[in-house]
């Protein structure tokens, strides 16, 4: 039996969250076409016949522009700490960029790396071979696996390579556990995911979600969930609510459907929109929305 931790790292929009969801077989991380969607370090547990692979999803590597960005980069550093290996997700269409090169040549000295060359189905063989040729030059790279996280292609090969990096040991988590995150956390992330999908322009980057109430009724299998959708400007609040409340209703309806699937129960979801100016640069407000640096030190 083998067991251990594998960090999933890479640039924004490389497909890390899609990959961890596909490998785990459950929705562990929210997914969006927008960069910097993932903000927290999230565990996903995969059990095979001979191993337990604990995957750590991390935010995309980028230059932080505010305290939230710094928190996200600390999440990456925390995710890379004491791991048995790294799956570095690289967008095959974009090739090896300067930031990828910096990670693979400098930061990857202390752990073995498997490169998941993602979105292979969307590029030509020539583009794929060019990326493979470049990647073969990095000492830290133990294996390169072209995959399509979206279509589920070659994921068994990737998982097999990850298992090789794990030490012998017993399972760390029970078989029925697929993430370390609570349903309350997942509820906030699902609401934010729907806001990311439905809102346009710059608004989503200043969106946070705080769950005020998450309760199962005593007499019926129904969850009552109340949440604040937090934005940074009054003008953004108007956009989130929409004309006649239509946008907020769309976000709520889309989120409720996923929440009912998550909980296995009927859900009554109530959303409020709050303005908290510059919350991404406020330690207090960030903690209130679930981004506490102290949690990364555990």
C-alpha atoms as a PDB file:
ATOM      1  CA  UNK A   1       0.000   0.000   0.000  1.00  0.00           C
ATOM      2  CA  UNK A   2       1.220   3.480  -0.874  1.00  0.00           C
ATOM      3  CA  UNK A   3      -0.122   6.789   0.398  1.00  0.00           C
ATOM      4  CA  UNK A   4       0.981  10.407   0.310  1.00  0.00           C
ATOM      5  CA  UNK A   5       0.438  13.944  -0.865  1.00  0.00           C
ATOM      6  CA  UNK A   6       0.670  15.283  -4.402  1.00  0.00           C
ATOM      7  CA  UNK A   7       0.321  19.032  -4.965  1.00  0.00           C
ATOM      8  CA  UNK A   8      -1.380  20.233  -8.142  1.00  0.00           C
ATOM      9  CA  UNK A   9       0.271  23.479  -9.239  1.00  0.00           C
ATOM     10  CA  UNK A  10       0.450  25.640 -12.340  1.00  0.00           C
ATOM     11  CA  UNK A  11      -0.455  28.934 -13.949  1.00  0.00           C
ATOM     12  CA  UNK A  12      -3.986  30.391 -13.821  1.00  0.00           C
ATOM     13  CA  UNK A  13      -6.419  28.790 -16.272  1.00  0.00           C
ATOM     14  CA  UNK A  14      -4.209  25.755 -16.915  1.00  0.00           C
ATOM     15  CA  UNK A  15      -7.066  23.472 -15.802  1.00  0.00           C
ATOM     16  CA  UNK A  16      -5.962  22.460 -12.289  1.00  0.00           C
ATOM     17  CA  UNK A  17      -9.434  22.437 -10.746  1.00  0.00           C
ATOM     18  CA  UNK A  18     -10.949  20.576 -13.688  1.00  0.00           C
ATOM     19  CA  UNK A  19      -8.161  18.022 -13.341  1.00  0.00           C
ATOM     20  CA  UNK A  20      -8.603  17.406  -9.596  1.00  0.00           C
ATOM     21  CA  UNK A  21     -12.378  17.031 -10.049  1.00  0.00           C
ATOM     22  CA  UNK A  22     -11.828  14.514 -12.855  1.00  0.00           C
ATOM     23  CA  UNK A  23      -9.279  12.505 -10.864  1.00  0.00           C
ATOM     24  CA  UNK A  24     -11.365  12.446  -7.669  1.00  0.00           C
ATOM     25  CA  UNK A  25     -14.622  11.794  -9.506  1.00  0.00           C
ATOM     26  CA  UNK A  26     -16.428  14.376  -7.380  1.00  0.00           C
ATOM     27  CA  UNK A  27     -16.737  18.155  -7.402  1.00  0.00           C
ATOM     28  CA  UNK A  28     -13.919  19.212  -5.082  1.00  0.00           C
ATOM     29  CA  UNK A  29     -13.028  22.583  -6.612  1.00  0.00           C
ATOM     30  CA  UNK A  30     -15.114  25.124  -8.482  1.00  0.00           C
ATOM     31  CA  UNK A  31     -14.334  25.670 -12.155  1.00  0.00           C
ATOM     32  CA  UNK A  32     -14.413  28.804 -14.275  1.00  0.00           C
ATOM     33  CA  UNK A  33     -12.839  30.051 -17.489  1.00  0.00           C
ATOM     34  CA  UNK A  34     -11.708  33.091 -15.518  1.00  0.00           C
ATOM     35  CA  UNK A  35      -8.139  33.025 -14.161  1.00  0.00           C
ATOM     36  CA  UNK A  36      -7.507  32.966 -10.400  1.00  0.00           C
ATOM     37  CA  UNK A  37     -10.783  31.191  -9.623  1.00  0.00           C
ATOM     38  CA  UNK A  38      -9.268  28.957  -6.931  1.00  0.00           C
ATOM     39  CA  UNK A  39      -8.342  30.939  -3.827  1.00  0.00           C
ATOM     40  CA  UNK A  40      -7.833  28.255  -1.166  1.00  0.00           C
ATOM     41  CA  UNK A  41      -5.792  25.096  -0.776  1.00  0.00           C
ATOM     42  CA  UNK A  42      -8.206  22.168  -1.153  1.00  0.00           C
ATOM     43  CA  UNK A  43      -7.639  18.436  -0.654  1.00  0.00           C
ATOM     44  CA  UNK A  44      -9.069  15.757  -2.930  1.00  0.00           C
ATOM     45  CA  UNK A  45      -8.666  12.073  -2.040  1.00  0.00           C
ATOM     46  CA  UNK A  46      -8.292   9.356  -4.683  1.00  0.00           C
ATOM     47  CA  UNK A  47      -8.331   5.671  -3.696  1.00  0.00           C
ATOM     48  CA  UNK A  48      -6.990   3.032  -6.077  1.00  0.00           C
ATOM     49  CA  UNK A  49      -6.356  -0.696  -5.586  1.00  0.00           C
ATOM     50  CA  UNK A  50      -2.866  -0.089  -4.236  1.00  0.00           C
ATOM     51  CA  UNK A  51      -2.716   3.523  -3.122  1.00  0.00           C
ATOM     52  CA  UNK A  52      -4.362   6.537  -1.581  1.00  0.00           C
ATOM     53  CA  UNK A  53      -3.369   9.673  -3.459  1.00  0.00           C
ATOM     54  CA  UNK A  54      -4.157  12.882  -1.589  1.00  0.00           C
ATOM     55  CA  UNK A  55      -4.240  15.705  -4.127  1.00  0.00           C
ATOM     56  CA  UNK A  56      -3.782  19.320  -3.047  1.00  0.00           C
ATOM     57  CA  UNK A  57      -5.383  21.826  -5.401  1.00  0.00           C
ATOM     58  CA  UNK A  58      -3.781  25.279  -5.237  1.00  0.00           C
ATOM     59  CA  UNK A  59      -4.445  28.726  -6.748  1.00  0.00           C
ATOM     60  CA  UNK A  60      -2.800  29.646 -10.030  1.00  0.00           C
ATOM     61  CA  UNK A  61       0.712  31.068  -9.696  1.00  0.00           C
ATOM     62  CA  UNK A  62       0.628  34.820 -10.378  1.00  0.00           C
ATOM     63  CA  UNK A  63       1.993  38.177  -9.222  1.00  0.00           C
ATOM     64  CA  UNK A  64      -0.058  39.278  -6.218  1.00  0.00           C
ATOM     65  CA  UNK A  65      -1.636  42.744  -6.502  1.00  0.00           C
ATOM     66  CA  UNK A  66      -3.456  42.829  -3.143  1.00  0.00           C
ATOM     67  CA  UNK A  67      -3.656  40.967   0.181  1.00  0.00           C
ATOM     68  CA  UNK A  68      -5.997  38.367  -1.274  1.00  0.00           C
ATOM     69  CA  UNK A  69      -3.421  37.697  -4.002  1.00  0.00           C
ATOM     70  CA  UNK A  70      -0.711  37.330  -1.357  1.00  0.00           C
ATOM     71  CA  UNK A  71      -2.933  34.920   0.552  1.00  0.00           C
ATOM     72  CA  UNK A  72      -3.392  32.867  -2.610  1.00  0.00           C
ATOM     73  CA  UNK A  73       0.366  32.675  -3.185  1.00  0.00           C
ATOM     74  CA  UNK A  74       0.833  31.626   0.447  1.00  0.00           C
ATOM     75  CA  UNK A  75      -1.746  28.898  -0.272  1.00  0.00           C
ATOM     76  CA  UNK A  76       0.508  27.678  -3.091  1.00  0.00           C
ATOM     77  CA  UNK A  77       3.577  27.699  -0.822  1.00  0.00           C
ATOM     78  CA  UNK A  78       1.629  25.837   1.862  1.00  0.00           C
ATOM     79  CA  UNK A  79       0.426  23.284  -0.677  1.00  0.00           C
ATOM     80  CA  UNK A  80       4.002  22.600  -1.803  1.00  0.00           C
ATOM     81  CA  UNK A  81       5.276  22.078   1.730  1.00  0.00           C
ATOM     82  CA  UNK A  82       6.286  18.501   2.649  1.00  0.00           C
ATOM     83  CA  UNK A  83       4.643  16.885  -0.378  1.00  0.00           C
ATOM     84  CA  UNK A  84       5.808  13.666  -2.013  1.00  0.00           C
ATOM     85  CA  UNK A  85       5.555  15.147  -5.481  1.00  0.00           C
ATOM     86  CA  UNK A  86       3.918  17.708  -7.732  1.00  0.00           C
ATOM     87  CA  UNK A  87       1.638  17.451 -10.733  1.00  0.00           C
ATOM     88  CA  UNK A  88       2.421  20.607 -12.653  1.00  0.00           C
ATOM     89  CA  UNK A  89      -0.453  21.436 -15.009  1.00  0.00           C
ATOM     90  CA  UNK A  90       0.576  23.148 -18.205  1.00  0.00           C
ATOM     91  CA  UNK A  91      -1.699  24.404 -20.987  1.00  0.00           C
ATOM     92  CA  UNK A  92      -0.468  22.641 -24.119  1.00  0.00           C
ATOM     93  CA  UNK A  93      -1.737  25.452 -26.348  1.00  0.00           C
ATOM     94  CA  UNK A  94       0.351  28.065 -24.535  1.00  0.00           C
ATOM     95  CA  UNK A  95       3.493  25.946 -24.184  1.00  0.00           C
ATOM     96  CA  UNK A  96       6.192  26.534 -21.583  1.00  0.00           C
ATOM     97  CA  UNK A  97       5.970  30.179 -20.560  1.00  0.00           C
ATOM     98  CA  UNK A  98       8.447  32.220 -18.539  1.00  0.00           C
ATOM     99  CA  UNK A  99       6.570  31.534 -15.274  1.00  0.00           C
ATOM    100  CA  UNK A 100       6.427  27.808 -16.019  1.00  0.00           C
ATOM    101  CA  UNK A 101      10.152  27.816 -16.710  1.00  0.00           C
ATOM    102  CA  UNK A 102      10.842  29.586 -13.396  1.00  0.00           C
ATOM    103  CA  UNK A 103       8.879  26.958 -11.468  1.00  0.00           C
ATOM    104  CA  UNK A 104      10.303  23.922 -13.254  1.00  0.00           C
ATOM    105  CA  UNK A 105      13.907  25.116 -13.149  1.00  0.00           C
ATOM    106  CA  UNK A 106      14.041  26.838  -9.745  1.00  0.00           C
ATOM    107  CA  UNK A 107      11.196  25.982  -7.350  1.00  0.00           C
ATOM    108  CA  UNK A 108      11.018  22.311  -8.353  1.00  0.00           C
ATOM    109  CA  UNK A 109      14.427  21.373  -6.928  1.00  0.00           C
ATOM    110  CA  UNK A 110      13.033  19.920  -3.684  1.00  0.00           C
ATOM    111  CA  UNK A 111      10.369  17.585  -5.105  1.00  0.00           C
ATOM    112  CA  UNK A 112       9.822  15.322  -8.119  1.00  0.00           C
ATOM    113  CA  UNK A 113       7.493  16.703 -10.778  1.00  0.00           C
ATOM    114  CA  UNK A 114       5.051  15.131 -13.206  1.00  0.00           C
ATOM    115  CA  UNK A 115       3.917  17.505 -15.929  1.00  0.00           C
ATOM    116  CA  UNK A 116       0.286  17.133 -16.978  1.00  0.00           C
ATOM    117  CA  UNK A 117       0.301  18.634 -20.455  1.00  0.00           C
ATOM    118  CA  UNK A 118      -3.356  19.594 -20.417  1.00  0.00           C
ATOM    119  CA  UNK A 119      -5.772  20.392 -23.263  1.00  0.00           C
ATOM    120  CA  UNK A 120      -3.883  18.072 -25.615  1.00  0.00           C
ATOM    121  CA  UNK A 121      -7.088  17.595 -27.587  1.00  0.00           C
ATOM    122  CA  UNK A 122      -7.108  21.278 -28.550  1.00  0.00           C
ATOM    123  CA  UNK A 123      -3.636  21.489 -30.162  1.00  0.00           C
ATOM    124  CA  UNK A 124      -1.825  20.096 -33.188  1.00  0.00           C
ATOM    125  CA  UNK A 125       0.734  17.312 -32.906  1.00  0.00           C
ATOM    126  CA  UNK A 126       3.431  19.815 -33.865  1.00  0.00           C
ATOM    127  CA  UNK A 127       2.530  22.102 -30.937  1.00  0.00           C
ATOM    128  CA  UNK A 128       2.404  19.119 -28.580  1.00  0.00           C
ATOM    129  CA  UNK A 129       5.800  17.805 -29.655  1.00  0.00           C
ATOM    130  CA  UNK A 130       7.346  21.264 -29.292  1.00  0.00           C
ATOM    131  CA  UNK A 131       6.182  21.437 -25.677  1.00  0.00           C
ATOM    132  CA  UNK A 132       7.339  17.870 -24.985  1.00  0.00           C
ATOM    133  CA  UNK A 133      10.799  18.653 -26.385  1.00  0.00           C
ATOM    134  CA  UNK A 134      11.120  21.694 -24.123  1.00  0.00           C
ATOM    135  CA  UNK A 135       9.894  19.827 -21.032  1.00  0.00           C
ATOM    136  CA  UNK A 136      12.368  16.990 -21.505  1.00  0.00           C
ATOM    137  CA  UNK A 137      15.142  19.431 -20.631  1.00  0.00           C
ATOM    138  CA  UNK A 138      14.115  19.892 -16.973  1.00  0.00           C
ATOM    139  CA  UNK A 139      15.908  17.721 -14.401  1.00  0.00           C
ATOM    140  CA  UNK A 140      13.034  17.805 -11.890  1.00  0.00           C
ATOM    141  CA  UNK A 141      10.517  16.402 -14.389  1.00  0.00           C
ATOM    142  CA  UNK A 142      10.107  12.643 -13.860  1.00  0.00           C
ATOM    143  CA  UNK A 143       7.305  12.154 -16.379  1.00  0.00           C
ATOM    144  CA  UNK A 144       5.277  14.092 -18.937  1.00  0.00           C
ATOM    145  CA  UNK A 145       1.699  12.984 -19.536  1.00  0.00           C
ATOM    146  CA  UNK A 146      -0.416  14.660 -22.229  1.00  0.00           C
ATOM    147  CA  UNK A 147      -3.986  14.762 -20.883  1.00  0.00           C
ATOM    148  CA  UNK A 148      -7.374  16.316 -21.409  1.00  0.00           C
ATOM    149  CA  UNK A 149      -8.873  16.958 -17.973  1.00  0.00           C
ATOM    150  CA  UNK A 150     -12.136  18.089 -19.569  1.00  0.00           C
ATOM    151  CA  UNK A 151     -12.548  14.898 -21.629  1.00  0.00           C
ATOM    152  CA  UNK A 152     -10.904  12.541 -19.099  1.00  0.00           C
ATOM    153  CA  UNK A 153      -8.171  11.437 -21.501  1.00  0.00           C
ATOM    154  CA  UNK A 154      -5.004   9.748 -20.129  1.00  0.00           C
ATOM    155  CA  UNK A 155      -5.943  10.398 -16.491  1.00  0.00           C
ATOM    156  CA  UNK A 156      -5.277   6.764 -15.555  1.00  0.00           C
ATOM    157  CA  UNK A 157      -1.720   7.133 -16.846  1.00  0.00           C
ATOM    158  CA  UNK A 158      -1.253  10.369 -14.890  1.00  0.00           C
ATOM    159  CA  UNK A 159      -2.557   8.773 -11.693  1.00  0.00           C
ATOM    160  CA  UNK A 160      -0.276   5.770 -12.177  1.00  0.00           C
ATOM    161  CA  UNK A 161       2.741   8.079 -12.464  1.00  0.00           C
ATOM    162  CA  UNK A 162       1.648   9.932  -9.313  1.00  0.00           C
ATOM    163  CA  UNK A 163       1.397   6.670  -7.365  1.00  0.00           C
ATOM    164  CA  UNK A 164       5.058   5.928  -8.150  1.00  0.00           C
ATOM    165  CA  UNK A 165       6.089   9.008  -6.179  1.00  0.00           C
ATOM    166  CA  UNK A 166       4.317   7.931  -2.984  1.00  0.00           C
ATOM    167  CA  UNK A 167       6.017   6.153  -0.084  1.00  0.00           C
ATOM    168  CA  UNK A 168       4.689   2.940   1.417  1.00  0.00           C
ATOM    169  CA  UNK A 169       2.119   3.603   4.108  1.00  0.00           C
ATOM    170  CA  UNK A 170      -1.438   3.146   5.330  1.00  0.00           C
ATOM    171  CA  UNK A 171      -4.404   5.218   4.215  1.00  0.00           C
ATOM    172  CA  UNK A 172      -4.691   8.599   5.905  1.00  0.00           C
ATOM    173  CA  UNK A 173      -8.381   9.154   5.152  1.00  0.00           C
ATOM    174  CA  UNK A 174     -11.416   6.823   5.183  1.00  0.00           C
ATOM    175  CA  UNK A 175     -12.601   5.412   1.855  1.00  0.00           C
ATOM    176  CA  UNK A 176     -15.807   7.477   1.807  1.00  0.00           C
ATOM    177  CA  UNK A 177     -14.010  10.796   2.276  1.00  0.00           C
ATOM    178  CA  UNK A 178     -13.109  12.643  -0.915  1.00  0.00           C
ATOM    179  CA  UNK A 179     -12.257  16.144   0.416  1.00  0.00           C
ATOM    180  CA  UNK A 180     -11.255  17.852   3.655  1.00  0.00           C
ATOM    181  CA  UNK A 181     -13.655  20.723   3.061  1.00  0.00           C
ATOM    182  CA  UNK A 182     -17.045  21.034   4.781  1.00  0.00           C
ATOM    183  CA  UNK A 183     -20.359  21.360   2.970  1.00  0.00           C
ATOM    184  CA  UNK A 184     -20.552  24.899   4.335  1.00  0.00           C
ATOM    185  CA  UNK A 185     -17.280  25.780   2.566  1.00  0.00           C
ATOM    186  CA  UNK A 186     -18.419  24.057  -0.622  1.00  0.00           C
ATOM    187  CA  UNK A 187     -21.710  25.963  -0.515  1.00  0.00           C
ATOM    188  CA  UNK A 188     -19.857  29.295  -0.494  1.00  0.00           C
ATOM    189  CA  UNK A 189     -17.651  28.145  -3.364  1.00  0.00           C
ATOM    190  CA  UNK A 190     -20.611  26.955  -5.449  1.00  0.00           C
ATOM    191  CA  UNK A 191     -22.379  30.310  -5.053  1.00  0.00           C
ATOM    192  CA  UNK A 192     -19.177  32.097  -6.063  1.00  0.00           C
ATOM    193  CA  UNK A 193     -18.763  29.779  -9.046  1.00  0.00           C
ATOM    194  CA  UNK A 194     -22.194  30.716 -10.377  1.00  0.00           C
ATOM    195  CA  UNK A 195     -21.445  34.415  -9.885  1.00  0.00           C
ATOM    196  CA  UNK A 196     -18.173  33.981 -11.806  1.00  0.00           C
ATOM    197  CA  UNK A 197     -20.027  32.275 -14.634  1.00  0.00           C
ATOM    198  CA  UNK A 198     -22.923  34.717 -14.911  1.00  0.00           C
ATOM    199  CA  UNK A 199     -21.282  38.073 -14.186  1.00  0.00           C
ATOM    200  CA  UNK A 200     -19.222  39.995 -16.714  1.00  0.00           C
ATOM    201  CA  UNK A 201     -16.157  42.236 -16.787  1.00  0.00           C
ATOM    202  CA  UNK A 202     -14.271  43.132 -13.596  1.00  0.00           C
ATOM    203  CA  UNK A 203     -17.000  42.398 -11.031  1.00  0.00           C
ATOM    204  CA  UNK A 204     -16.220  38.698 -10.284  1.00  0.00           C
ATOM    205  CA  UNK A 205     -12.693  39.372  -9.041  1.00  0.00           C
ATOM    206  CA  UNK A 206     -14.115  41.405  -6.163  1.00  0.00           C
ATOM    207  CA  UNK A 207     -16.751  38.811  -5.252  1.00  0.00           C
ATOM    208  CA  UNK A 208     -16.655  36.936  -1.958  1.00  0.00           C
ATOM    209  CA  UNK A 209     -19.299  34.761  -0.302  1.00  0.00           C
ATOM    210  CA  UNK A 210     -20.061  34.439   3.398  1.00  0.00           C
ATOM    211  CA  UNK A 211     -22.465  31.737   4.632  1.00  0.00           C
ATOM    212  CA  UNK A 212     -24.620  33.121   7.451  1.00  0.00           C
ATOM    213  CA  UNK A 213     -26.875  30.097   7.917  1.00  0.00           C
ATOM    214  CA  UNK A 214     -26.494  26.449   6.928  1.00  0.00           C
ATOM    215  CA  UNK A 215     -29.079  24.386   8.785  1.00  0.00           C
ATOM    216  CA  UNK A 216     -30.910  21.099   8.239  1.00  0.00           C
ATOM    217  CA  UNK A 217     -34.506  21.261   9.426  1.00  0.00           C
ATOM    218  CA  UNK A 218     -35.405  18.906  12.249  1.00  0.00           C
ATOM    219  CA  UNK A 219     -38.708  17.775  10.756  1.00  0.00           C
ATOM    220  CA  UNK A 220     -37.824  17.609   7.030  1.00  0.00           C
ATOM    221  CA  UNK A 221     -34.797  16.804   4.839  1.00  0.00           C
ATOM    222  CA  UNK A 222     -34.455  20.444   3.806  1.00  0.00           C
ATOM    223  CA  UNK A 223     -31.423  22.732   4.157  1.00  0.00           C
ATOM    224  CA  UNK A 224     -31.968  26.426   4.798  1.00  0.00           C
ATOM    225  CA  UNK A 225     -28.964  28.365   3.517  1.00  0.00           C
ATOM    226  CA  UNK A 226     -28.544  32.134   3.801  1.00  0.00           C
ATOM    227  CA  UNK A 227     -25.469  33.801   2.321  1.00  0.00           C
ATOM    228  CA  UNK A 228     -23.996  37.217   1.621  1.00  0.00           C
ATOM    229  CA  UNK A 229     -22.551  37.865  -1.815  1.00  0.00           C
ATOM    230  CA  UNK A 230     -19.922  40.491  -1.062  1.00  0.00           C
ATOM    231  CA  UNK A 231     -18.657  43.020  -3.614  1.00  0.00           C
ATOM    232  CA  UNK A 232     -16.427  46.068  -3.374  1.00  0.00           C
ATOM    233  CA  UNK A 233     -18.483  48.866  -4.954  1.00  0.00           C
ATOM    234  CA  UNK A 234     -22.069  50.124  -4.990  1.00  0.00           C
ATOM    235  CA  UNK A 235     -21.983  50.016  -8.791  1.00  0.00           C
ATOM    236  CA  UNK A 236     -21.015  46.333  -8.597  1.00  0.00           C
ATOM    237  CA  UNK A 237     -23.892  45.662  -6.218  1.00  0.00           C
ATOM    238  CA  UNK A 238     -26.338  46.941  -8.811  1.00  0.00           C
ATOM    239  CA  UNK A 239     -24.809  44.620 -11.424  1.00  0.00           C
ATOM    240  CA  UNK A 240     -24.956  41.587  -9.106  1.00  0.00           C
ATOM    241  CA  UNK A 241     -28.614  42.239  -8.302  1.00  0.00           C
ATOM    242  CA  UNK A 242     -29.522  43.064 -11.892  1.00  0.00           C
ATOM    243  CA  UNK A 243     -32.619  44.716 -13.262  1.00  0.00           C
ATOM    244  CA  UNK A 244     -35.578  43.739 -11.092  1.00  0.00           C
ATOM    245  CA  UNK A 245     -33.316  41.312  -9.211  1.00  0.00           C
ATOM    246  CA  UNK A 246     -32.954  39.058 -12.280  1.00  0.00           C
ATOM    247  CA  UNK A 247     -29.182  38.465 -12.040  1.00  0.00           C
ATOM    248  CA  UNK A 248     -29.277  37.558  -8.357  1.00  0.00           C
ATOM    249  CA  UNK A 249     -32.171  35.204  -9.081  1.00  0.00           C
ATOM    250  CA  UNK A 250     -30.137  33.500 -11.835  1.00  0.00           C
ATOM    251  CA  UNK A 251     -27.149  33.059  -9.490  1.00  0.00           C
ATOM    252  CA  UNK A 252     -29.406  31.682  -6.760  1.00  0.00           C
ATOM    253  CA  UNK A 253     -31.212  29.235  -9.072  1.00  0.00           C
ATOM    254  CA  UNK A 254     -27.983  27.878 -10.564  1.00  0.00           C
ATOM    255  CA  UNK A 255     -26.355  27.555  -7.128  1.00  0.00           C
ATOM    256  CA  UNK A 256     -29.393  25.877  -5.582  1.00  0.00           C
ATOM    257  CA  UNK A 257     -29.343  23.116  -8.180  1.00  0.00           C
ATOM    258  CA  UNK A 258     -25.715  22.256  -7.363  1.00  0.00           C
ATOM    259  CA  UNK A 259     -26.331  22.572  -3.621  1.00  0.00           C
ATOM    260  CA  UNK A 260     -29.197  20.081  -3.796  1.00  0.00           C
ATOM    261  CA  UNK A 261     -26.869  17.668  -5.582  1.00  0.00           C
ATOM    262  CA  UNK A 262     -24.171  18.273  -2.950  1.00  0.00           C
ATOM    263  CA  UNK A 263     -26.448  17.789   0.075  1.00  0.00           C
ATOM    264  CA  UNK A 264     -28.849  15.223  -1.373  1.00  0.00           C
ATOM    265  CA  UNK A 265     -31.695  17.331   0.025  1.00  0.00           C
ATOM    266  CA  UNK A 266     -34.014  20.109  -1.032  1.00  0.00           C
ATOM    267  CA  UNK A 267     -32.434  23.520  -0.478  1.00  0.00           C
ATOM    268  CA  UNK A 268     -33.993  26.890   0.286  1.00  0.00           C
ATOM    269  CA  UNK A 269     -31.309  29.427  -0.644  1.00  0.00           C
ATOM    270  CA  UNK A 270     -31.499  33.118   0.218  1.00  0.00           C
ATOM    271  CA  UNK A 271     -28.843  35.506  -1.092  1.00  0.00           C
ATOM    272  CA  UNK A 272     -28.112  39.054   0.019  1.00  0.00           C
ATOM    273  CA  UNK A 273     -25.687  41.454  -1.667  1.00  0.00           C
ATOM    274  CA  UNK A 274     -23.392  43.476   0.599  1.00  0.00           C
ATOM    275  CA  UNK A 275     -20.803  46.125  -0.233  1.00  0.00           C
ATOM    276  CA  UNK A 276     -17.523  45.938   1.681  1.00  0.00           C
ATOM    277  CA  UNK A 277     -15.124  48.365   0.075  1.00  0.00           C
ATOM    278  CA  UNK A 278     -11.621  47.098  -0.697  1.00  0.00           C
ATOM    279  CA  UNK A 279     -12.184  43.863   1.236  1.00  0.00           C
ATOM    280  CA  UNK A 280      -9.390  42.164  -0.726  1.00  0.00           C
ATOM    281  CA  UNK A 281      -6.912  44.425   1.109  1.00  0.00           C
ATOM    282  CA  UNK A 282      -8.468  44.054   4.575  1.00  0.00           C
ATOM    283  CA  UNK A 283      -7.118  41.321   6.867  1.00  0.00           C
ATOM    284  CA  UNK A 284     -10.293  41.433   8.969  1.00  0.00           C
ATOM    285  CA  UNK A 285     -12.727  41.189   6.053  1.00  0.00           C
ATOM    286  CA  UNK A 286     -10.637  38.494   4.375  1.00  0.00           C
ATOM    287  CA  UNK A 287     -10.790  36.386   7.537  1.00  0.00           C
ATOM    288  CA  UNK A 288     -14.554  36.937   7.654  1.00  0.00           C
ATOM    289  CA  UNK A 289     -14.818  35.540   4.121  1.00  0.00           C
ATOM    290  CA  UNK A 290     -12.659  32.499   4.863  1.00  0.00           C
ATOM    291  CA  UNK A 291      -9.209  33.678   3.786  1.00  0.00           C
ATOM    292  CA  UNK A 292      -7.212  33.487   7.005  1.00  0.00           C
ATOM    293  CA  UNK A 293      -3.425  33.236   6.677  1.00  0.00           C
ATOM    294  CA  UNK A 294      -3.278  31.442  10.050  1.00  0.00           C
ATOM    295  CA  UNK A 295      -5.174  28.499   8.560  1.00  0.00           C
ATOM    296  CA  UNK A 296      -2.348  27.968   6.053  1.00  0.00           C
ATOM    297  CA  UNK A 297       0.155  27.351   8.850  1.00  0.00           C
ATOM    298  CA  UNK A 298      -1.595  24.216  10.162  1.00  0.00           C
END
